[in-house]
Protein backbone atom coordinates (compact mmCIF):
# COMPACT_ATOMS: atom_id res chain seq x y z
CA MET A 1 -4.00 -17.52 15.48
CA ILE A 2 -1.70 -17.20 12.47
CA LYS A 3 -3.37 -17.12 9.06
CA ILE A 4 -1.47 -18.89 6.30
CA ASP A 5 -3.03 -17.47 3.16
CA GLN A 6 -0.53 -17.70 0.30
CA GLN A 7 -2.34 -15.19 -1.89
CA LYS A 8 -2.62 -12.64 0.95
CA ILE A 9 1.01 -13.16 1.96
CA GLU A 10 2.14 -12.63 -1.63
CA GLU A 11 0.17 -9.38 -1.79
CA VAL A 12 1.64 -8.19 1.53
CA LEU A 13 5.13 -8.89 0.20
CA THR A 14 4.64 -7.17 -3.17
CA ARG A 15 2.12 -4.31 -3.17
CA GLY A 16 3.82 -1.03 -2.43
CA VAL A 17 7.02 -2.84 -1.50
CA SER A 18 10.40 -1.45 -2.49
CA GLU A 19 12.79 -4.07 -1.10
CA ILE A 20 12.82 -7.04 1.29
CA ILE A 21 15.85 -8.40 3.08
CA VAL A 22 15.64 -11.36 2.80
CA LYS A 23 12.40 -12.08 0.89
CA GLU A 24 12.86 -15.85 0.67
CA ASP A 25 13.51 -16.08 4.41
CA LEU A 26 10.57 -13.84 5.32
CA GLN A 27 8.21 -15.68 2.99
CA LYS A 28 9.28 -19.01 4.48
CA LYS A 29 8.66 -17.74 8.01
CA LEU A 30 5.21 -16.40 7.09
CA LEU A 31 4.23 -19.72 5.52
CA SER A 32 5.56 -21.71 8.47
CA GLY A 33 2.85 -20.50 10.84
CA LYS A 34 5.38 -18.99 13.26
CA ARG A 35 4.18 -15.82 14.98
CA LEU A 36 6.56 -12.99 14.16
CA ARG A 37 7.22 -9.78 16.09
CA ILE A 38 7.02 -6.86 13.66
CA TYR A 39 7.38 -3.14 14.17
CA PHE A 40 7.24 0.24 12.49
CA GLY A 41 8.80 3.24 14.22
CA VAL A 42 7.82 6.90 13.92
CA ASP A 43 9.80 9.78 15.39
CA PRO A 44 7.44 12.55 16.58
CA THR A 45 9.39 15.41 15.04
CA GLY A 46 6.03 16.87 13.97
CA ALA A 47 2.49 16.63 15.30
CA LEU A 48 0.78 15.29 12.18
CA LEU A 49 0.81 11.97 10.36
CA HIS A 50 0.38 12.09 6.59
CA LEU A 51 -0.46 9.72 3.73
CA GLY A 52 3.23 8.81 3.47
CA HIS A 53 3.12 7.41 7.01
CA ALA A 54 -0.14 5.69 6.13
CA VAL A 55 1.58 3.49 3.52
CA VAL A 56 3.66 1.76 6.22
CA LEU A 57 0.86 1.86 8.81
CA ARG A 58 -1.36 -0.13 6.44
CA LYS A 59 1.46 -2.62 5.88
CA LEU A 60 1.74 -3.02 9.67
CA ARG A 61 -2.02 -3.60 9.82
CA GLU A 62 -1.77 -6.29 7.13
CA PHE A 63 0.72 -8.25 9.21
CA ALA A 64 -1.47 -7.81 12.31
CA ASP A 65 -4.45 -9.14 10.34
CA LEU A 66 -2.40 -12.26 9.54
CA GLY A 67 -2.10 -12.81 13.29
CA HIS A 68 1.43 -11.56 13.91
CA GLU A 69 2.52 -9.42 16.86
CA ALA A 70 2.56 -5.86 15.53
CA ILE A 71 4.12 -2.89 17.30
CA LEU A 72 3.85 0.83 16.54
CA LEU A 73 6.96 2.32 18.11
CA ILE A 74 6.98 6.01 19.02
CA GLY A 75 10.55 7.26 18.85
CA ASP A 76 10.15 9.72 21.70
CA TYR A 77 13.85 9.35 22.61
CA THR A 78 15.38 9.21 19.12
CA ALA A 79 13.37 12.34 18.24
CA ARG A 80 15.61 14.25 20.66
CA ILE A 81 18.44 13.71 18.19
CA GLY A 82 16.49 13.65 14.95
CA ASP A 83 17.03 11.32 12.02
CA PRO A 84 19.78 12.70 9.74
CA THR A 85 18.35 10.77 6.77
CA GLY A 86 18.02 13.07 3.76
CA ARG A 87 19.21 16.11 5.69
CA ASP A 88 21.83 18.46 4.27
CA ILE A 89 22.17 20.25 7.62
CA THR A 90 21.99 19.12 11.25
CA ARG A 91 18.50 19.07 12.75
CA VAL A 92 17.68 21.44 15.56
CA PRO A 93 17.25 19.23 18.68
CA LEU A 94 13.74 19.00 20.07
CA MET A 95 12.98 19.51 23.74
CA GLU A 96 11.13 16.81 25.67
CA HIS A 97 7.98 18.92 26.06
CA GLN A 98 7.88 19.54 22.28
CA ILE A 99 8.14 15.82 21.60
CA LYS A 100 5.36 14.97 24.04
CA LYS A 101 3.15 17.61 22.45
CA ASN A 102 3.89 16.22 18.99
CA PHE A 103 2.93 12.60 19.71
CA LYS A 104 -0.04 13.50 21.91
CA ASP A 105 -2.55 12.69 19.14
CA TYR A 106 -0.57 10.05 17.22
CA LYS A 107 -2.74 7.17 18.43
CA LYS A 108 -5.93 9.02 17.49
CA GLN A 109 -4.57 9.75 14.02
CA ALA A 110 -3.19 6.23 13.51
CA SER A 111 -6.55 4.79 14.61
CA LYS A 112 -7.90 5.84 11.22
CA ILE A 113 -5.83 2.90 9.91
CA LEU A 114 -4.85 0.64 12.81
CA ASN A 115 -6.99 -1.47 15.12
CA PHE A 116 -5.23 -1.05 18.45
CA SER A 117 -6.87 -4.15 19.87
CA LYS A 118 -4.42 -5.98 17.58
CA ILE A 119 -1.46 -3.59 17.77
CA LYS A 120 0.74 -2.50 20.66
CA ILE A 121 2.23 0.96 21.16
CA LYS A 122 5.70 1.21 22.66
CA TYR A 123 8.06 4.13 23.32
CA ASN A 124 11.80 3.81 22.83
CA SER A 125 12.55 6.06 25.79
CA THR A 126 11.69 2.97 27.84
CA TRP A 127 15.08 1.42 27.04
CA LEU A 128 17.17 4.17 25.46
CA SER A 129 16.89 6.43 28.51
CA LYS A 130 18.44 3.63 30.58
CA LEU A 131 21.49 3.14 28.35
CA LYS A 132 24.62 4.05 30.30
CA LEU A 133 27.96 4.99 28.83
CA GLU A 134 29.04 1.36 28.87
CA GLY A 135 26.03 0.40 26.76
CA ILE A 136 26.61 3.24 24.30
CA LEU A 137 30.26 2.24 23.93
CA LYS A 138 29.24 -1.34 23.26
CA LEU A 139 26.77 -0.18 20.62
CA SER A 140 29.36 2.02 18.95
CA SER A 141 31.93 -0.79 18.84
CA HIS A 142 29.87 -2.64 16.22
CA PHE A 143 30.34 0.07 13.57
CA THR A 144 33.21 2.04 12.08
CA VAL A 145 33.41 5.72 11.23
CA GLN A 146 33.91 4.69 7.58
CA GLN A 147 30.57 2.85 7.61
CA MET A 148 28.78 5.96 8.82
CA LEU A 149 30.56 8.27 6.38
CA HIS A 150 29.49 5.96 3.57
CA ARG A 151 26.02 7.51 3.80
CA ASP A 152 25.38 9.92 0.93
CA MET A 153 24.19 12.75 3.17
CA PHE A 154 27.37 12.69 5.26
CA PHE A 155 29.60 12.32 2.21
CA ASN A 156 27.93 15.32 0.57
CA ARG A 157 28.24 17.42 3.69
CA MET A 158 31.96 16.65 3.96
CA ARG A 159 32.47 17.57 0.32
CA GLU A 160 30.64 20.87 0.84
CA ASP A 161 32.32 21.51 4.21
CA VAL A 162 29.00 21.42 6.09
CA ALA A 163 29.16 20.34 9.72
CA ILE A 164 28.33 16.78 10.81
CA ASN A 165 27.36 16.54 14.45
CA GLN A 166 28.82 13.52 16.27
CA VAL A 167 25.39 12.87 17.78
CA GLU A 168 24.09 12.21 14.24
CA PHE A 169 26.38 9.17 14.09
CA ILE A 170 24.63 7.85 17.18
CA TYR A 171 21.13 8.10 15.71
CA PRO A 172 21.30 4.94 13.52
CA LEU A 173 22.75 3.02 16.48
CA MET A 174 19.90 4.09 18.73
CA GLN A 175 17.27 3.26 16.13
CA GLY A 176 19.04 -0.04 15.53
CA TYR A 177 18.99 -0.79 19.24
CA ASP A 178 15.17 -0.65 19.12
CA SER A 179 15.30 -3.97 17.24
CA VAL A 180 17.49 -5.45 19.95
CA ALA A 181 15.40 -4.13 22.85
CA MET A 182 12.16 -5.52 21.38
CA ASP A 183 13.87 -8.61 19.89
CA VAL A 184 11.96 -8.23 16.62
CA ASP A 185 11.80 -10.52 13.59
CA LEU A 186 10.88 -7.86 11.03
CA GLU A 187 11.11 -4.08 10.73
CA LEU A 188 8.96 -2.01 8.37
CA GLY A 189 9.77 1.43 7.02
CA GLY A 190 10.05 3.68 3.99
CA ASN A 191 12.86 2.92 1.56
CA ASP A 192 14.75 6.02 2.72
CA GLN A 193 15.26 4.24 6.04
CA MET A 194 17.25 1.30 4.68
CA PHE A 195 20.58 2.35 6.22
CA ASN A 196 19.10 2.73 9.72
CA MET A 197 17.22 -0.56 9.38
CA MET A 198 20.37 -2.39 8.25
CA VAL A 199 22.11 -1.11 11.37
CA GLY A 200 19.33 -2.73 13.39
CA ARG A 201 19.77 -5.96 11.46
CA GLN A 202 23.49 -6.01 12.24
CA LEU A 203 22.91 -5.24 15.92
CA GLN A 204 20.22 -7.90 16.22
CA LYS A 205 22.71 -10.41 14.85
CA ALA A 206 25.43 -9.22 17.24
CA TYR A 207 23.25 -9.20 20.37
CA HIS A 208 20.82 -12.06 19.73
CA ASN A 209 22.44 -14.00 16.88
CA LYS A 210 19.19 -13.46 14.98
CA ASP A 211 18.60 -12.40 11.37
CA LYS A 212 16.04 -9.63 11.46
CA ASP A 213 14.24 -9.21 8.15
CA ILE A 214 13.54 -5.81 6.63
CA LEU A 215 10.66 -4.67 4.42
CA THR A 216 10.77 -1.20 2.91
CA THR A 217 7.86 0.44 1.14
CA LYS A 218 7.98 2.81 -1.80
CA LEU A 219 7.86 6.47 -0.86
CA LEU A 220 4.64 8.35 -1.53
CA LEU A 221 5.79 11.74 -2.78
CA GLY A 222 4.11 15.01 -1.93
CA THR A 223 1.74 16.89 -4.20
CA ASP A 224 4.64 18.65 -5.94
CA GLY A 225 6.74 15.52 -6.53
CA ARG A 226 9.18 16.11 -3.66
CA LYS A 227 9.37 14.11 -0.43
CA MET A 228 6.14 14.60 1.54
CA SER A 229 6.99 17.10 4.25
CA LYS A 230 5.60 20.03 6.21
CA THR A 231 8.73 21.93 5.14
CA TYR A 232 7.67 21.80 1.48
CA ASP A 233 3.96 22.43 2.23
CA ASN A 234 3.14 19.41 0.03
CA ALA A 235 1.81 16.90 2.55
CA ILE A 236 -1.67 15.41 2.73
CA TYR A 237 -2.40 14.85 6.42
CA LEU A 238 -4.68 12.27 8.01
CA THR A 239 -6.21 15.18 9.93
CA ASP A 240 -7.02 17.21 6.80
CA SER A 241 -10.72 17.91 6.39
CA PRO A 242 -12.44 15.89 3.63
CA LYS A 243 -12.61 19.07 1.51
CA ASN A 244 -8.91 19.86 1.89
CA MET A 245 -7.85 16.24 1.43
CA PHE A 246 -9.87 16.02 -1.79
CA GLY A 247 -8.48 19.32 -3.09
CA LYS A 248 -4.87 18.42 -2.30
CA ILE A 249 -5.15 15.08 -4.11
CA MET A 250 -6.62 16.83 -7.13
CA SER A 251 -3.51 19.04 -7.18
CA ILE A 252 -0.93 16.21 -7.41
CA LYS A 253 1.26 15.99 -10.49
CA ASP A 254 -0.20 13.69 -13.16
CA GLU A 255 2.85 11.43 -13.08
CA LEU A 256 2.11 10.58 -9.43
CA ILE A 257 -1.40 9.23 -10.05
CA GLY A 258 -0.30 5.60 -10.46
CA ASP A 259 1.76 5.65 -7.24
CA TYR A 260 -1.10 7.20 -5.29
CA PHE A 261 -3.51 4.50 -6.48
CA GLU A 262 -1.05 1.76 -5.51
CA LEU A 263 0.21 3.21 -2.23
CA ALA A 264 -2.70 5.26 -0.85
CA THR A 265 -5.70 3.08 -1.77
CA GLU A 266 -6.70 -0.55 -1.40
CA LEU A 267 -8.29 -0.85 -4.83
CA PRO A 268 -7.43 -4.08 -6.74
CA LYS A 269 -4.53 -3.77 -9.18
CA GLU A 270 -6.70 -4.88 -12.10
CA TYR A 271 -9.23 -2.13 -11.38
CA ILE A 272 -6.46 0.46 -11.15
CA GLU A 273 -5.12 -0.59 -14.55
CA GLU A 274 -8.59 -0.19 -16.07
CA ILE A 275 -8.87 3.31 -14.59
CA LYS A 276 -5.48 4.34 -15.94
CA LYS A 277 -6.32 2.93 -19.36
CA ASN A 278 -9.82 4.37 -19.78
CA LEU A 279 -9.89 7.70 -17.93
CA ASN A 280 -8.11 11.00 -18.53
CA PRO A 281 -5.79 12.29 -15.74
CA ARG A 282 -8.35 14.73 -14.35
CA ASP A 283 -11.00 12.02 -13.98
CA GLN A 284 -8.42 9.59 -12.60
CA LYS A 285 -7.55 12.09 -9.88
CA ALA A 286 -11.22 12.72 -9.11
CA LEU A 287 -11.80 9.01 -8.59
CA LEU A 288 -8.57 8.74 -6.60
CA ALA A 289 -9.45 11.68 -4.35
CA LYS A 290 -12.94 10.34 -3.71
CA GLU A 291 -11.58 6.88 -2.85
CA ILE A 292 -8.99 8.19 -0.39
CA VAL A 293 -11.44 10.54 1.34
CA LYS A 294 -13.90 7.64 1.60
CA MET A 295 -11.24 5.51 3.31
CA TYR A 296 -10.78 8.05 6.09
CA TYR A 297 -14.18 9.75 6.34
CA GLY A 298 -16.76 7.51 4.70
CA GLU A 299 -18.71 7.69 1.45
CA LYS A 300 -21.05 10.50 2.48
CA GLU A 301 -18.17 12.90 3.23
CA ALA A 302 -16.37 11.82 0.06
CA ASN A 303 -19.40 12.68 -2.06
CA LYS A 304 -19.76 16.03 -0.29
CA ALA A 305 -16.06 16.84 -0.82
CA GLU A 306 -16.36 16.03 -4.52
CA GLU A 307 -19.44 18.23 -4.91
CA GLU A 308 -17.74 21.10 -3.08
CA PHE A 309 -14.63 20.78 -5.25
CA ASN A 310 -16.69 20.87 -8.42
CA VAL A 311 -18.56 23.96 -7.20
CA ILE A 312 -15.30 25.81 -6.58
CA PHE A 313 -13.14 24.66 -9.48
CA ARG A 314 -15.40 23.45 -12.25
CA ASP A 315 -18.35 25.76 -11.78
CA LYS A 316 -16.21 28.63 -10.39
CA GLU A 317 -18.69 29.33 -7.60
CA ILE A 318 -18.12 30.20 -3.95
CA PRO A 319 -18.75 27.27 -1.57
CA THR A 320 -21.86 27.46 0.57
CA ASP A 321 -20.37 26.34 3.89
CA ILE A 322 -17.39 28.55 4.74
CA PRO A 323 -16.01 29.87 8.06
CA VAL A 324 -17.09 33.27 9.34
CA PHE A 325 -14.61 35.89 10.52
CA GLU A 326 -16.09 38.57 12.77
CA THR A 327 -14.58 42.04 13.05
CA ASN A 328 -15.56 45.57 14.03
CA LYS A 329 -12.91 47.19 11.85
CA ILE A 330 -14.08 49.25 8.90
CA ILE A 331 -10.64 49.60 7.30
CA TYR A 332 -8.33 46.59 7.44
CA PRO A 333 -4.81 46.30 5.94
CA ILE A 334 -4.95 43.24 3.68
CA LEU A 335 -1.97 41.47 5.27
CA ASP A 336 -3.45 41.93 8.75
CA LEU A 337 -6.84 40.72 7.57
CA LEU A 338 -5.47 37.52 6.05
CA PHE A 339 -3.35 36.80 9.12
CA ASP A 340 -6.03 37.62 11.71
CA ALA A 341 -8.59 35.51 9.82
CA LYS A 342 -6.14 32.56 10.06
CA LEU A 343 -5.98 32.18 6.30
CA THR A 344 -2.18 32.25 6.52
CA GLU A 345 0.48 31.45 9.09
CA SER A 346 2.49 34.61 8.43
CA LYS A 347 2.25 37.99 6.74
CA ASN A 348 5.22 37.14 4.57
CA ASP A 349 3.29 34.14 3.25
CA ALA A 350 0.25 36.37 2.67
CA LYS A 351 2.40 38.82 0.72
CA ARG A 352 3.78 35.96 -1.41
CA VAL A 353 0.29 34.65 -2.25
CA ILE A 354 -0.99 38.15 -3.12
CA GLU A 355 1.95 38.72 -5.46
CA GLY A 356 1.19 35.35 -7.05
CA GLY A 357 -2.41 36.38 -7.75
CA GLY A 358 -3.92 33.99 -5.20
CA VAL A 359 -6.03 36.39 -3.12
CA HIS A 360 -9.54 37.49 -4.13
CA ILE A 361 -12.21 39.55 -2.38
CA ASN A 362 -15.69 38.99 -3.76
CA LYS A 363 -14.00 37.32 -6.77
CA GLU A 364 -11.86 40.40 -7.47
CA LYS A 365 -8.12 39.70 -7.53
CA ILE A 366 -6.00 41.65 -5.04
CA THR A 367 -2.57 42.57 -6.41
CA ASP A 368 -1.36 45.21 -3.93
CA TRP A 369 -0.17 43.76 -0.61
CA LYS A 370 -0.24 47.28 0.89
CA LYS A 371 -3.97 47.63 0.15
CA GLU A 372 -6.32 48.73 2.91
CA VAL A 373 -9.61 46.90 2.54
CA GLU A 374 -12.91 48.65 3.18
CA ILE A 375 -14.79 46.01 5.15
CA LYS A 376 -18.37 45.21 4.23
CA ASP A 377 -20.74 42.69 5.77
CA GLU A 378 -20.89 39.31 3.96
CA MET A 379 -17.66 40.05 2.07
CA VAL A 380 -15.98 36.82 0.90
CA VAL A 381 -12.21 36.49 0.94
CA GLN A 382 -10.46 33.69 -0.96
CA PHE A 383 -6.85 32.75 -0.16
CA GLY A 384 -5.23 30.34 -2.59
CA LYS A 385 -7.43 27.72 -4.19
CA ARG A 386 -9.19 26.21 -1.21
CA LYS A 387 -9.37 28.69 1.67
CA PHE A 388 -12.39 30.97 2.07
CA ILE A 389 -13.83 33.15 4.82
CA LYS A 390 -16.95 35.24 5.01
CA ILE A 391 -16.68 38.51 6.93
CA LYS A 392 -19.35 39.52 9.40
CA LEU A 393 -19.32 42.96 10.95
CA LYS A 394 -19.97 43.05 14.69
C-alpha cells in the first residue's frame, strides 16, 4: 500500500539530496499514489560498505517505507569493467571470483539499514551477460564519442596524454541499460554518478519511451575531507567495531560535522541546528559519534565506545579490553612484531607510522624502525591512535 504523506515525501526529496531530475515530475508521481520501481546500484569493487553508501541505502529504505518497489542492484557484471567516474587512470579489471568474494557479505552489511522483506536484491549479470554483439551495437548507437569525451575525467586524461580504454566508454551504457532491463521509474545514487544516471535516463526513453527520474544525494566525504575510499584510508565502514567507528568519527575535520549530522544520522534538522549553535566542535563530534554508533550497534555499545574513547584520548590511559598477541620470541624486530600482530597491513606502513611517532610500547615512543624489541610478558604495544595489543609470552 502506497503512503501519501506530504511531509514525509518532502523530507525524502530534500534531506541529503543534491539534485532531482525532474523534481516536479517525481513529486507529482509520489503524491499520485502510483507505485514506483526504484533502484540503487552498487558495484562490488571492494568487500566493504561504508557510511557513504549508507546515505543512499537509507534513501532507498525511505522509498520502500512509503510502499514503493525498491531494488538494491549488485553490479556484479559492471564491476568487471569498473566505473571510470573520478578516475585519472584506467581501473584494473576484476576477475569473477574476486567480485563474488567482494559481494559475499553485502546483504549482511546492508541489513544494518535495509529491511529485505521490503527490498529486492538483483544482479546485473542476469541481463548484461546475455547481451550479444547486436545488443551492444544498439546500445552504442544512442551515444556519440563526443558525448563520452565531454566527461571531465576523459577530457583531463586526453589533455595529459593518459590512456582511455575503449571499454570505459561502454561502462555508462551498461549501467544505463540496468534501467532499461528493470524498467525503473527512479534511480538513486551519489551526485558523482549523474553522468551514468543520465545515460540510463536517455536509454529508458529510447527503449521504453519513459522518463526515468533521477535523485542524487550529497557525497559524504571521508575523515580527511577527500572522497570516502579504501585507497585514502579515510572510510568509516559499516563493519567497523563500535570503538573504531566512534574513534574515526571523532577524527573527522571540523568542517565536515554539519554534513555528517545531515547525511549520516536521522536526527531532526532543528535539533542539529541547536547542537551546532550551542556545542563546541569536540562535543559536537562526541554526540555525532555516539549517535551513529547507536544507529548500527545500539545504545549500550555506543556508551561503551564513548567511555573507551575517553579513557584513551581524554584520560590518556590504556584501554582495559585489548587483543592479546602470543609469541615465544624474546627478541623481535619492531617491523616484524607490528606486522605479525596484525597491527598493520605491511612493513612499509609500519615504518611510516614509526617515523611519524605513532608507535608506543608501554607508553614509550618508538622512533627507530630498525629497533629490536626485548619482549616481556604483559607488554602493551600501541599503533596509531586506536590500535593496541597486549603481548603474552608462551
